[in-house]
């Protein structure tokens, strides 16, 4: 059986990324959140740069190179978040013998591997 909201709140949430879905909230440590936000801001800047390149009719190969760098950066953010999710939410649910976690996790993996 899952933990109650009070039990979850009593756990050091800095080590958790997620809490029960019915509360529709995600908790990521402050440090990880800061790192992810910094990475996403850099990616946002790269996307704006590509838009400017397209607007200026920059050579297609140069645009494609920048788009590849953006995709790589997004994959990197996904890997960091996935690793954190595995080490917190998934492990906790496995320890609590949550029968739905494997199916949920496989669905997540399928989505991110497209």
PDB file of N, CA and C in Angstrom:
ATOM      1  N   UNK A   1       0.839  -1.177   0.000  1.00  0.00           N
ATOM      2  CA  UNK A   1       0.000   0.000   0.000  1.00  0.00           C
ATOM      3  C   UNK A   1       0.884   1.241   0.000  1.00  0.00           C
ATOM      4  N   UNK A   2       0.461   2.324  -0.692  1.00  0.00           N
ATOM      5  CA  UNK A   2       1.238   3.550  -0.807  1.00  0.00           C
ATOM      6  C   UNK A   2       1.277   4.323   0.493  1.00  0.00           C
ATOM      7  N   UNK A   3       2.158   5.273   0.519  1.00  0.00           N
ATOM      8  CA  UNK A   3       2.301   6.108   1.715  1.00  0.00           C
ATOM      9  C   UNK A   3       1.260   7.210   1.713  1.00  0.00           C
ATOM     10  N   UNK A   4       0.896   7.672   2.912  1.00  0.00           N
ATOM     11  CA  UNK A   4      -0.042   8.784   3.027  1.00  0.00           C
ATOM     12  C   UNK A   4       0.688  10.080   2.739  1.00  0.00           C
ATOM     13  N   UNK A   5      -0.079  11.140   2.500  1.00  0.00           N
ATOM     14  CA  UNK A   5       0.512  12.443   2.208  1.00  0.00           C
ATOM     15  C   UNK A   5       1.418  12.902   3.351  1.00  0.00           C
ATOM     16  N   UNK A   6       0.988  12.649   4.597  1.00  0.00           N
ATOM     17  CA  UNK A   6       1.800  13.059   5.749  1.00  0.00           C
ATOM     18  C   UNK A   6       3.129  12.307   5.781  1.00  0.00           C
ATOM     19  N   UNK A   7       3.091  11.023   5.481  1.00  0.00           N
ATOM     20  CA  UNK A   7       4.318  10.229   5.475  1.00  0.00           C
ATOM     21  C   UNK A   7       5.258  10.723   4.383  1.00  0.00           C
ATOM     22  N   UNK A   8       4.706  11.045   3.233  1.00  0.00           N
ATOM     23  CA  UNK A   8       5.530  11.519   2.130  1.00  0.00           C
ATOM     24  C   UNK A   8       6.167  12.850   2.485  1.00  0.00           C
ATOM     25  N   UNK A   9       5.387  13.749   3.070  1.00  0.00           N
ATOM     26  CA  UNK A   9       5.922  15.058   3.428  1.00  0.00           C
ATOM     27  C   UNK A   9       7.016  14.945   4.472  1.00  0.00           C
ATOM     28  N   UNK A  10       6.962  13.910   5.310  1.00  0.00           N
ATOM     29  CA  UNK A  10       7.975  13.773   6.348  1.00  0.00           C
ATOM     30  C   UNK A  10       9.301  13.261   5.799  1.00  0.00           C
ATOM     31  N   UNK A  11       9.268  12.679   4.615  1.00  0.00           N
ATOM     32  CA  UNK A  11      10.502  12.201   3.987  1.00  0.00           C
ATOM     33  C   UNK A  11      11.248  13.402   3.428  1.00  0.00           C
ATOM     34  N   UNK A  12      12.548  13.347   3.434  1.00  0.00           N
ATOM     35  CA  UNK A  12      13.345  14.436   2.882  1.00  0.00           C
ATOM     36  C   UNK A  12      13.033  14.570   1.399  1.00  0.00           C
ATOM     37  N   UNK A  13      12.191  15.545   1.058  1.00  0.00           N
ATOM     38  CA  UNK A  13      11.733  15.681  -0.315  1.00  0.00           C
ATOM     39  C   UNK A  13      12.833  16.139  -1.259  1.00  0.00           C
ATOM     40  N   UNK A  14      13.935  16.633  -0.729  1.00  0.00           N
ATOM     41  CA  UNK A  14      15.033  16.994  -1.603  1.00  0.00           C
ATOM     42  C   UNK A  14      15.624  15.773  -2.284  1.00  0.00           C
ATOM     43  N   UNK A  15      15.371  14.591  -1.741  1.00  0.00           N
ATOM     44  CA  UNK A  15      15.878  13.371  -2.337  1.00  0.00           C
ATOM     45  C   UNK A  15      14.830  12.706  -3.215  1.00  0.00           C
ATOM     46  N   UNK A  16      13.656  13.317  -3.310  1.00  0.00           N
ATOM     47  CA  UNK A  16      12.569  12.747  -4.103  1.00  0.00           C
ATOM     48  C   UNK A  16      12.314  13.627  -5.309  1.00  0.00           C
ATOM     49  N   UNK A  17      11.918  13.048  -6.401  1.00  0.00           N
ATOM     50  CA  UNK A  17      11.504  13.865  -7.536  1.00  0.00           C
ATOM     51  C   UNK A  17       9.988  13.849  -7.656  1.00  0.00           C
ATOM     52  N   UNK A  18       9.352  12.819  -7.173  1.00  0.00           N
ATOM     53  CA  UNK A  18       7.912  12.687  -7.385  1.00  0.00           C
ATOM     54  C   UNK A  18       7.212  12.275  -6.100  1.00  0.00           C
ATOM     55  N   UNK A  19       5.952  12.604  -6.031  1.00  0.00           N
ATOM     56  CA  UNK A  19       5.091  12.057  -4.995  1.00  0.00           C
ATOM     57  C   UNK A  19       3.912  11.422  -5.688  1.00  0.00           C
ATOM     58  N   UNK A  20       3.001  10.899  -4.954  1.00  0.00           N
ATOM     59  CA  UNK A  20       1.878  10.174  -5.532  1.00  0.00           C
ATOM     60  C   UNK A  20       1.192  11.005  -6.614  1.00  0.00           C
ATOM     61  N   UNK A  21       0.834  10.349  -7.714  1.00  0.00           N
ATOM     62  CA  UNK A  21       0.237  11.036  -8.858  1.00  0.00           C
ATOM     63  C   UNK A  21      -1.071  11.734  -8.517  1.00  0.00           C
ATOM     64  N   UNK A  22      -1.861  11.160  -7.626  1.00  0.00           N
ATOM     65  CA  UNK A  22      -3.147  11.773  -7.345  1.00  0.00           C
ATOM     66  C   UNK A  22      -3.007  13.172  -6.759  1.00  0.00           C
ATOM     67  N   UNK A  23      -1.854  13.487  -6.219  1.00  0.00           N
ATOM     68  CA  UNK A  23      -1.631  14.844  -5.734  1.00  0.00           C
ATOM     69  C   UNK A  23      -1.166  15.747  -6.868  1.00  0.00           C
ATOM     70  N   UNK A  24      -0.963  15.170  -8.057  1.00  0.00           N
ATOM     71  CA  UNK A  24      -0.557  15.857  -9.277  1.00  0.00           C
ATOM     72  C   UNK A  24       0.535  16.895  -9.025  1.00  0.00           C
ATOM     73  N   UNK A  25       1.567  16.471  -8.375  1.00  0.00           N
ATOM     74  CA  UNK A  25       2.679  17.352  -8.077  1.00  0.00           C
ATOM     75  C   UNK A  25       3.975  16.589  -8.266  1.00  0.00           C
ATOM     76  N   UNK A  26       4.998  17.308  -8.696  1.00  0.00           N
ATOM     77  CA  UNK A  26       6.309  16.717  -8.862  1.00  0.00           C
ATOM     78  C   UNK A  26       7.286  17.490  -8.010  1.00  0.00           C
ATOM     79  N   UNK A  27       8.125  16.778  -7.292  1.00  0.00           N
ATOM     80  CA  UNK A  27       9.134  17.420  -6.465  1.00  0.00           C
ATOM     81  C   UNK A  27      10.510  17.023  -6.957  1.00  0.00           C
ATOM     82  N   UNK A  28      11.284  18.015  -7.288  1.00  0.00           N
ATOM     83  CA  UNK A  28      12.656  17.829  -7.715  1.00  0.00           C
ATOM     84  C   UNK A  28      13.496  18.647  -6.751  1.00  0.00           C
ATOM     85  N   UNK A  29      14.647  18.131  -6.379  1.00  0.00           N
ATOM     86  CA  UNK A  29      15.492  18.878  -5.448  1.00  0.00           C
ATOM     87  C   UNK A  29      15.774  20.270  -6.009  1.00  0.00           C
ATOM     88  N   UNK A  30      15.993  21.220  -5.126  1.00  0.00           N
ATOM     89  CA  UNK A  30      16.266  22.593  -5.551  1.00  0.00           C
ATOM     90  C   UNK A  30      17.482  22.656  -6.468  1.00  0.00           C
ATOM     91  N   UNK A  31      18.515  21.899  -6.136  1.00  0.00           N
ATOM     92  CA  UNK A  31      19.733  21.902  -6.939  1.00  0.00           C
ATOM     93  C   UNK A  31      19.473  21.345  -8.338  1.00  0.00           C
ATOM     94  N   UNK A  32      18.762  20.225  -8.420  1.00  0.00           N
ATOM     95  CA  UNK A  32      18.457  19.642  -9.723  1.00  0.00           C
ATOM     96  C   UNK A  32      17.551  20.571 -10.516  1.00  0.00           C
ATOM     97  N   UNK A  33      16.582  21.159  -9.860  1.00  0.00           N
ATOM     98  CA  UNK A  33      15.688  22.090 -10.547  1.00  0.00           C
ATOM     99  C   UNK A  33      16.484  23.257 -11.134  1.00  0.00           C
ATOM    100  N   UNK A  34      17.416  23.789 -10.373  1.00  0.00           N
ATOM    101  CA  UNK A  34      18.245  24.904 -10.837  1.00  0.00           C
ATOM    102  C   UNK A  34      19.055  24.487 -12.060  1.00  0.00           C
ATOM    103  N   UNK A  35      19.669  23.295 -11.976  1.00  0.00           N
ATOM    104  CA  UNK A  35      20.479  22.811 -13.096  1.00  0.00           C
ATOM    105  C   UNK A  35      19.627  22.597 -14.345  1.00  0.00           C
ATOM    106  N   UNK A  36      18.454  21.992 -14.176  1.00  0.00           N
ATOM    107  CA  UNK A  36      17.579  21.754 -15.319  1.00  0.00           C
ATOM    108  C   UNK A  36      17.089  23.065 -15.926  1.00  0.00           C
ATOM    109  N   UNK A  37      16.740  24.015 -15.080  1.00  0.00           N
ATOM    110  CA  UNK A  37      16.278  25.309 -15.586  1.00  0.00           C
ATOM    111  C   UNK A  37      17.396  26.036 -16.332  1.00  0.00           C
ATOM    112  N   UNK A  38      18.625  25.955 -15.822  1.00  0.00           N
ATOM    113  CA  UNK A  38      19.755  26.580 -16.525  1.00  0.00           C
ATOM    114  C   UNK A  38      19.955  25.946 -17.893  1.00  0.00           C
ATOM    115  N   UNK A  39      19.893  24.623 -17.937  1.00  0.00           N
ATOM    116  CA  UNK A  39      20.053  23.927 -19.219  1.00  0.00           C
ATOM    117  C   UNK A  39      18.934  24.303 -20.180  1.00  0.00           C
ATOM    118  N   UNK A  40      17.705  24.355 -19.685  1.00  0.00           N
ATOM    119  CA  UNK A  40      16.581  24.697 -20.554  1.00  0.00           C
ATOM    120  C   UNK A  40      16.687  26.143 -21.048  1.00  0.00           C
ATOM    121  N   UNK A  41      17.196  27.031 -20.231  1.00  0.00           N
ATOM    122  CA  UNK A  41      17.389  28.417 -20.672  1.00  0.00           C
ATOM    123  C   UNK A  41      18.419  28.487 -21.793  1.00  0.00           C
ATOM    124  N   UNK A  42      19.494  27.693 -21.668  1.00  0.00           N
ATOM    125  CA  UNK A  42      20.490  27.651 -22.743  1.00  0.00           C
ATOM    126  C   UNK A  42      19.884  27.100 -24.024  1.00  0.00           C
ATOM    127  N   UNK A  43      19.079  26.054 -23.888  1.00  0.00           N
ATOM    128  CA  UNK A  43      18.424  25.464 -25.060  1.00  0.00           C
ATOM    129  C   UNK A  43      17.476  26.487 -25.696  1.00  0.00           C
ATOM    130  N   UNK A  44      16.748  27.207 -24.865  1.00  0.00           N
ATOM    131  CA  UNK A  44      15.847  28.240 -25.369  1.00  0.00           C
ATOM    132  C   UNK A  44      16.631  29.276 -26.181  1.00  0.00           C
ATOM    133  N   UNK A  45      17.794  29.659 -25.689  1.00  0.00           N
ATOM    134  CA  UNK A  45      18.647  30.594 -26.419  1.00  0.00           C
ATOM    135  C   UNK A  45      19.108  30.019 -27.751  1.00  0.00           C
ATOM    136  N   UNK A  46      19.436  28.724 -27.740  1.00  0.00           N
ATOM    137  CA  UNK A  46      19.850  28.075 -28.984  1.00  0.00           C
ATOM    138  C   UNK A  46      18.706  28.061 -29.999  1.00  0.00           C
ATOM    139  N   UNK A  47      17.499  27.778 -29.533  1.00  0.00           N
ATOM    140  CA  UNK A  47      16.337  27.744 -30.430  1.00  0.00           C
ATOM    141  C   UNK A  47      16.107  29.136 -31.025  1.00  0.00           C
ATOM    142  N   UNK A  48      16.193  30.155 -30.208  1.00  0.00           N
ATOM    143  CA  UNK A  48      16.035  31.529 -30.717  1.00  0.00           C
ATOM    144  C   UNK A  48      17.123  31.844 -31.738  1.00  0.00           C
ATOM    145  N   UNK A  49      18.326  31.360 -31.494  1.00  0.00           N
ATOM    146  CA  UNK A  49      19.421  31.566 -32.445  1.00  0.00           C
ATOM    147  C   UNK A  49      19.134  30.896 -33.779  1.00  0.00           C
ATOM    148  N   UNK A  50      18.566  29.698 -33.748  1.00  0.00           N
ATOM    149  CA  UNK A  50      18.222  28.996 -34.987  1.00  0.00           C
ATOM    150  C   UNK A  50      17.119  29.758 -35.727  1.00  0.00           C
ATOM    151  N   UNK A  51      16.156  30.280 -34.991  1.00  0.00           N
ATOM    152  CA  UNK A  51      15.109  31.071 -35.634  1.00  0.00           C
ATOM    153  C   UNK A  51      15.712  32.276 -36.358  1.00  0.00           C
ATOM    154  N   UNK A  52      16.680  32.929 -35.716  1.00  0.00           N
ATOM    155  CA  UNK A  52      17.351  34.071 -36.353  1.00  0.00           C
ATOM    156  C   UNK A  52      18.122  33.616 -37.593  1.00  0.00           C
ATOM    157  N   UNK A  53      18.762  32.447 -37.487  1.00  0.00           N
ATOM    158  CA  UNK A  53      19.502  31.912 -38.634  1.00  0.00           C
ATOM    159  C   UNK A  53      18.563  31.665 -39.816  1.00  0.00           C
ATOM    160  N   UNK A  54      17.407  31.098 -39.539  1.00  0.00           N
ATOM    161  CA  UNK A  54      16.433  30.831 -40.605  1.00  0.00           C
ATOM    162  C   UNK A  54      15.952  32.146 -41.208  1.00  0.00           C
ATOM    163  N   UNK A  55      15.674  33.109 -40.340  1.00  0.00           N
ATOM    164  CA  UNK A  55      15.211  34.412 -40.797  1.00  0.00           C
ATOM    165  C   UNK A  55      16.246  35.093 -41.692  1.00  0.00           C
ATOM    166  N   UNK A  56      17.517  34.865 -41.429  1.00  0.00           N
ATOM    167  CA  UNK A  56      18.608  35.494 -42.202  1.00  0.00           C
ATOM    168  C   UNK A  56      19.052  34.646 -43.390  1.00  0.00           C
ATOM    169  N   UNK A  57      18.358  33.554 -43.629  1.00  0.00           N
ATOM    170  CA  UNK A  57      18.713  32.653 -44.736  1.00  0.00           C
ATOM    171  C   UNK A  57      20.144  32.144 -44.624  1.00  0.00           C
ATOM    172  N   UNK A  58      20.541  31.741 -43.427  1.00  0.00           N
ATOM    173  CA  UNK A  58      21.874  31.176 -43.207  1.00  0.00           C
ATOM    174  C   UNK A  58      21.951  29.827 -43.916  1.00  0.00           C
ATOM    175  N   UNK A  59      23.128  29.441 -44.291  1.00  0.00           N
ATOM    176  CA  UNK A  59      23.380  28.181 -44.990  1.00  0.00           C
ATOM    177  C   UNK A  59      22.737  27.021 -44.222  1.00  0.00           C
ATOM    178  N   UNK A  60      21.989  26.190 -44.952  1.00  0.00           N
ATOM    179  CA  UNK A  60      21.202  25.093 -44.345  1.00  0.00           C
ATOM    180  C   UNK A  60      22.039  24.175 -43.465  1.00  0.00           C
ATOM    181  N   UNK A  61      23.245  23.849 -43.902  1.00  0.00           N
ATOM    182  CA  UNK A  61      24.101  22.950 -43.136  1.00  0.00           C
ATOM    183  C   UNK A  61      24.407  23.520 -41.754  1.00  0.00           C
ATOM    184  N   UNK A  62      24.620  24.827 -41.688  1.00  0.00           N
ATOM    185  CA  UNK A  62      24.889  25.472 -40.393  1.00  0.00           C
ATOM    186  C   UNK A  62      23.661  25.409 -39.487  1.00  0.00           C
ATOM    187  N   UNK A  63      22.491  25.591 -40.063  1.00  0.00           N
ATOM    188  CA  UNK A  63      21.249  25.500 -39.279  1.00  0.00           C
ATOM    189  C   UNK A  63      21.062  24.076 -38.767  1.00  0.00           C
ATOM    190  N   UNK A  64      21.272  23.103 -39.639  1.00  0.00           N
ATOM    191  CA  UNK A  64      21.114  21.697 -39.239  1.00  0.00           C
ATOM    192  C   UNK A  64      22.094  21.325 -38.138  1.00  0.00           C
ATOM    193  N   UNK A  65      23.299  21.856 -38.190  1.00  0.00           N
ATOM    194  CA  UNK A  65      24.286  21.588 -37.139  1.00  0.00           C
ATOM    195  C   UNK A  65      23.790  22.123 -35.798  1.00  0.00           C
ATOM    196  N   UNK A  66      23.237  23.329 -35.810  1.00  0.00           N
ATOM    197  CA  UNK A  66      22.711  23.915 -34.576  1.00  0.00           C
ATOM    198  C   UNK A  66      21.492  23.147 -34.064  1.00  0.00           C
ATOM    199  N   UNK A  67      20.651  22.691 -34.981  1.00  0.00           N
ATOM    200  CA  UNK A  67      19.479  21.915 -34.570  1.00  0.00           C
ATOM    201  C   UNK A  67      19.900  20.588 -33.948  1.00  0.00           C
ATOM    202  N   UNK A  68      20.943  19.997 -34.472  1.00  0.00           N
ATOM    203  CA  UNK A  68      21.465  18.758 -33.895  1.00  0.00           C
ATOM    204  C   UNK A  68      21.980  19.004 -32.477  1.00  0.00           C
ATOM    205  N   UNK A  69      22.641  20.130 -32.281  1.00  0.00           N
ATOM    206  CA  UNK A  69      23.136  20.478 -30.938  1.00  0.00           C
ATOM    207  C   UNK A  69      21.977  20.669 -29.966  1.00  0.00           C
ATOM    208  N   UNK A  70      20.886  21.268 -30.431  1.00  0.00           N
ATOM    209  CA  UNK A  70      19.698  21.462 -29.588  1.00  0.00           C
ATOM    210  C   UNK A  70      19.103  20.118 -29.202  1.00  0.00           C
ATOM    211  N   UNK A  71      18.975  19.229 -30.178  1.00  0.00           N
ATOM    212  CA  UNK A  71      18.422  17.902 -29.892  1.00  0.00           C
ATOM    213  C   UNK A  71      19.290  17.155 -28.885  1.00  0.00           C
ATOM    214  N   UNK A  72      20.590  17.257 -29.033  1.00  0.00           N
ATOM    215  CA  UNK A  72      21.506  16.609 -28.100  1.00  0.00           C
ATOM    216  C   UNK A  72      21.345  17.180 -26.692  1.00  0.00           C
ATOM    217  N   UNK A  73      21.204  18.492 -26.604  1.00  0.00           N
ATOM    218  CA  UNK A  73      21.019  19.135 -25.301  1.00  0.00           C
ATOM    219  C   UNK A  73      19.706  18.699 -24.653  1.00  0.00           C
ATOM    220  N   UNK A  74      18.649  18.596 -25.441  1.00  0.00           N
ATOM    221  CA  UNK A  74      17.368  18.130 -24.903  1.00  0.00           C
ATOM    222  C   UNK A  74      17.459  16.685 -24.425  1.00  0.00           C
ATOM    223  N   UNK A  75      18.148  15.844 -25.183  1.00  0.00           N
ATOM    224  CA  UNK A  75      18.335  14.454 -24.758  1.00  0.00           C
ATOM    225  C   UNK A  75      19.119  14.392 -23.451  1.00  0.00           C
ATOM    226  N   UNK A  76      20.080  15.277 -23.301  1.00  0.00           N
ATOM    227  CA  UNK A  76      20.869  15.310 -22.075  1.00  0.00           C
ATOM    228  C   UNK A  76      19.998  15.670 -20.872  1.00  0.00           C
ATOM    229  N   UNK A  77      19.125  16.646 -21.035  1.00  0.00           N
ATOM    230  CA  UNK A  77      18.197  17.024 -19.959  1.00  0.00           C
ATOM    231  C   UNK A  77      17.295  15.847 -19.627  1.00  0.00           C
ATOM    232  N   UNK A  78      16.809  15.171 -20.650  1.00  0.00           N
ATOM    233  CA  UNK A  78      15.943  14.004 -20.421  1.00  0.00           C
ATOM    234  C   UNK A  78      16.673  12.909 -19.655  1.00  0.00           C
ATOM    235  N   UNK A  79      17.929  12.661 -20.003  1.00  0.00           N
ATOM    236  CA  UNK A  79      18.698  11.629 -19.294  1.00  0.00           C
ATOM    237  C   UNK A  79      18.880  11.967 -17.825  1.00  0.00           C
ATOM    238  N   UNK A  80      19.184  13.230 -17.538  1.00  0.00           N
ATOM    239  CA  UNK A  80      19.361  13.644 -16.142  1.00  0.00           C
ATOM    240  C   UNK A  80      18.064  13.462 -15.366  1.00  0.00           C
ATOM    241  N   UNK A  81      16.961  13.894 -15.956  1.00  0.00           N
ATOM    242  CA  UNK A  81      15.666  13.773 -15.285  1.00  0.00           C
ATOM    243  C   UNK A  81      15.259  12.313 -15.137  1.00  0.00           C
ATOM    244  N   UNK A  82      15.511  11.509 -16.166  1.00  0.00           N
ATOM    245  CA  UNK A  82      15.192  10.077 -16.097  1.00  0.00           C
ATOM    246  C   UNK A  82      16.005   9.386 -15.008  1.00  0.00           C
ATOM    247  N   UNK A  83      17.285   9.690 -14.937  1.00  0.00           N
ATOM    248  CA  UNK A  83      18.133   9.092 -13.895  1.00  0.00           C
ATOM    249  C   UNK A  83      17.614   9.442 -12.509  1.00  0.00           C
ATOM    250  N   UNK A  84      17.256  10.701 -12.316  1.00  0.00           N
ATOM    251  CA  UNK A  84      16.724  11.119 -11.026  1.00  0.00           C
ATOM    252  C   UNK A  84      15.403  10.410 -10.732  1.00  0.00           C
ATOM    253  N   UNK A  85      14.572  10.279 -11.732  1.00  0.00           N
ATOM    254  CA  UNK A  85      13.275   9.610 -11.565  1.00  0.00           C
ATOM    255  C   UNK A  85      13.474   8.148 -11.154  1.00  0.00           C
ATOM    256  N   UNK A  86      14.406   7.475 -11.808  1.00  0.00           N
ATOM    257  CA  UNK A  86      14.691   6.071 -11.468  1.00  0.00           C
ATOM    258  C   UNK A  86      15.187   5.963 -10.038  1.00  0.00           C
ATOM    259  N   UNK A  87      16.128   6.828  -9.675  1.00  0.00           N
ATOM    260  CA  UNK A  87      16.761   6.745  -8.354  1.00  0.00           C
ATOM    261  C   UNK A  87      15.866   7.180  -7.212  1.00  0.00           C
ATOM    262  N   UNK A  88      14.750   7.799  -7.521  1.00  0.00           N
ATOM    263  CA  UNK A  88      13.851   8.246  -6.447  1.00  0.00           C
ATOM    264  C   UNK A  88      12.500   7.549  -6.587  1.00  0.00           C
ATOM    265  N   UNK A  89      11.700   8.016  -7.488  1.00  0.00           N
ATOM    266  CA  UNK A  89      10.316   7.537  -7.616  1.00  0.00           C
ATOM    267  C   UNK A  89      10.223   6.046  -7.925  1.00  0.00           C
ATOM    268  N   UNK A  90      10.949   5.619  -8.946  1.00  0.00           N
ATOM    269  CA  UNK A  90      10.814   4.223  -9.382  1.00  0.00           C
ATOM    270  C   UNK A  90      11.311   3.274  -8.302  1.00  0.00           C
ATOM    271  N   UNK A  91      12.469   3.550  -7.738  1.00  0.00           N
ATOM    272  CA  UNK A  91      12.999   2.673  -6.685  1.00  0.00           C
ATOM    273  C   UNK A  91      12.055   2.635  -5.493  1.00  0.00           C
ATOM    274  N   UNK A  92      11.548   3.788  -5.096  1.00  0.00           N
ATOM    275  CA  UNK A  92      10.624   3.824  -3.951  1.00  0.00           C
ATOM    276  C   UNK A  92       9.380   2.986  -4.230  1.00  0.00           C
ATOM    277  N   UNK A  93       8.824   3.111  -5.427  1.00  0.00           N
ATOM    278  CA  UNK A  93       7.612   2.356  -5.753  1.00  0.00           C
ATOM    279  C   UNK A  93       7.903   0.864  -5.867  1.00  0.00           C
ATOM    280  N   UNK A  94       9.080   0.509  -6.353  1.00  0.00           N
ATOM    281  CA  UNK A  94       9.462  -0.900  -6.391  1.00  0.00           C
ATOM    282  C   UNK A  94       9.589  -1.452  -4.972  1.00  0.00           C
ATOM    283  N   UNK A  95      10.217  -0.678  -4.095  1.00  0.00           N
ATOM    284  CA  UNK A  95      10.360  -1.107  -2.701  1.00  0.00           C
ATOM    285  C   UNK A  95       9.002  -1.260  -2.029  1.00  0.00           C
ATOM    286  N   UNK A  96       8.039  -0.437  -2.438  1.00  0.00           N
ATOM    287  CA  UNK A  96       6.682  -0.515  -1.886  1.00  0.00           C
ATOM    288  C   UNK A  96       5.813  -1.519  -2.640  1.00  0.00           C
ATOM    289  N   UNK A  97       6.441  -2.256  -3.547  1.00  0.00           N
ATOM    290  CA  UNK A  97       5.768  -3.297  -4.321  1.00  0.00           C
ATOM    291  C   UNK A  97       4.563  -2.763  -5.099  1.00  0.00           C
ATOM    292  N   UNK A  98       4.718  -1.558  -5.652  1.00  0.00           N
ATOM    293  CA  UNK A  98       3.673  -0.962  -6.484  1.00  0.00           C
ATOM    294  C   UNK A  98       3.632  -1.722  -7.805  1.00  0.00           C
ATOM    295  N   UNK A  99       2.538  -2.448  -8.074  1.00  0.00           N
ATOM    296  CA  UNK A  99       2.484  -3.283  -9.281  1.00  0.00           C
ATOM    297  C   UNK A  99       2.404  -2.484 -10.585  1.00  0.00           C
ATOM    298  N   UNK A 100       2.050  -1.216 -10.512  1.00  0.00           N
ATOM    299  CA  UNK A 100       1.868  -0.415 -11.719  1.00  0.00           C
ATOM    300  C   UNK A 100       3.145   0.271 -12.188  1.00  0.00           C
ATOM    301  N   UNK A 101       4.173   0.300 -11.348  1.00  0.00           N
ATOM    302  CA  UNK A 101       5.351   1.096 -11.681  1.00  0.00           C
ATOM    303  C   UNK A 101       6.086   0.578 -12.912  1.00  0.00           C
ATOM    304  N   UNK A 102       6.164  -0.713 -13.107  1.00  0.00           N
ATOM    305  CA  UNK A 102       6.893  -1.250 -14.260  1.00  0.00           C
ATOM    306  C   UNK A 102       6.196  -0.848 -15.555  1.00  0.00           C
ATOM    307  N   UNK A 103       4.892  -1.000 -15.616  1.00  0.00           N
ATOM    308  CA  UNK A 103       4.147  -0.616 -16.819  1.00  0.00           C
ATOM    309  C   UNK A 103       4.268   0.887 -17.067  1.00  0.00           C
ATOM    310  N   UNK A 104       4.153   1.666 -16.001  1.00  0.00           N
ATOM    311  CA  UNK A 104       4.284   3.118 -16.125  1.00  0.00           C
ATOM    312  C   UNK A 104       5.665   3.492 -16.640  1.00  0.00           C
ATOM    313  N   UNK A 105       6.685   2.855 -16.075  1.00  0.00           N
ATOM    314  CA  UNK A 105       8.054   3.160 -16.468  1.00  0.00           C
ATOM    315  C   UNK A 105       8.317   2.752 -17.914  1.00  0.00           C
ATOM    316  N   UNK A 106       7.810   1.605 -18.320  1.00  0.00           N
ATOM    317  CA  UNK A 106       7.988   1.158 -19.706  1.00  0.00           C
ATOM    318  C   UNK A 106       7.285   2.102 -20.673  1.00  0.00           C
ATOM    319  N   UNK A 107       6.134   2.623 -20.301  1.00  0.00           N
ATOM    320  CA  UNK A 107       5.442   3.605 -21.134  1.00  0.00           C
ATOM    321  C   UNK A 107       6.289   4.868 -21.275  1.00  0.00           C
ATOM    322  N   UNK A 108       6.874   5.304 -20.173  1.00  0.00           N
ATOM    323  CA  UNK A 108       7.743   6.479 -20.200  1.00  0.00           C
ATOM    324  C   UNK A 108       8.931   6.242 -21.109  1.00  0.00           C
ATOM    325  N   UNK A 109       9.583   5.101 -20.988  1.00  0.00           N
ATOM    326  CA  UNK A 109      10.734   4.780 -21.827  1.00  0.00           C
ATOM    327  C   UNK A 109      10.323   4.760 -23.296  1.00  0.00           C
ATOM    328  N   UNK A 110       9.179   4.176 -23.600  1.00  0.00           N
ATOM    329  CA  UNK A 110       8.696   4.132 -24.990  1.00  0.00           C
ATOM    330  C   UNK A 110       8.500   5.537 -25.547  1.00  0.00           C
ATOM    331  N   UNK A 111       7.965   6.430 -24.735  1.00  0.00           N
ATOM    332  CA  UNK A 111       7.727   7.804 -25.181  1.00  0.00           C
ATOM    333  C   UNK A 111       9.029   8.534 -25.475  1.00  0.00           C
ATOM    334  N   UNK A 112      10.015   8.358 -24.613  1.00  0.00           N
ATOM    335  CA  UNK A 112      11.238   9.143 -24.798  1.00  0.00           C
ATOM    336  C   UNK A 112      12.183   8.532 -25.824  1.00  0.00           C
ATOM    337  N   UNK A 113      11.929   7.289 -26.222  1.00  0.00           N
ATOM    338  CA  UNK A 113      12.808   6.659 -27.205  1.00  0.00           C
ATOM    339  C   UNK A 113      12.300   6.827 -28.643  1.00  0.00           C
ATOM    340  N   UNK A 114      11.227   7.540 -28.854  1.00  0.00           N
ATOM    341  CA  UNK A 114      10.695   7.746 -30.210  1.00  0.00           C
ATOM    342  C   UNK A 114      11.644   8.561 -31.044  1.00  0.00           C
TER     343      UNK A 114
END
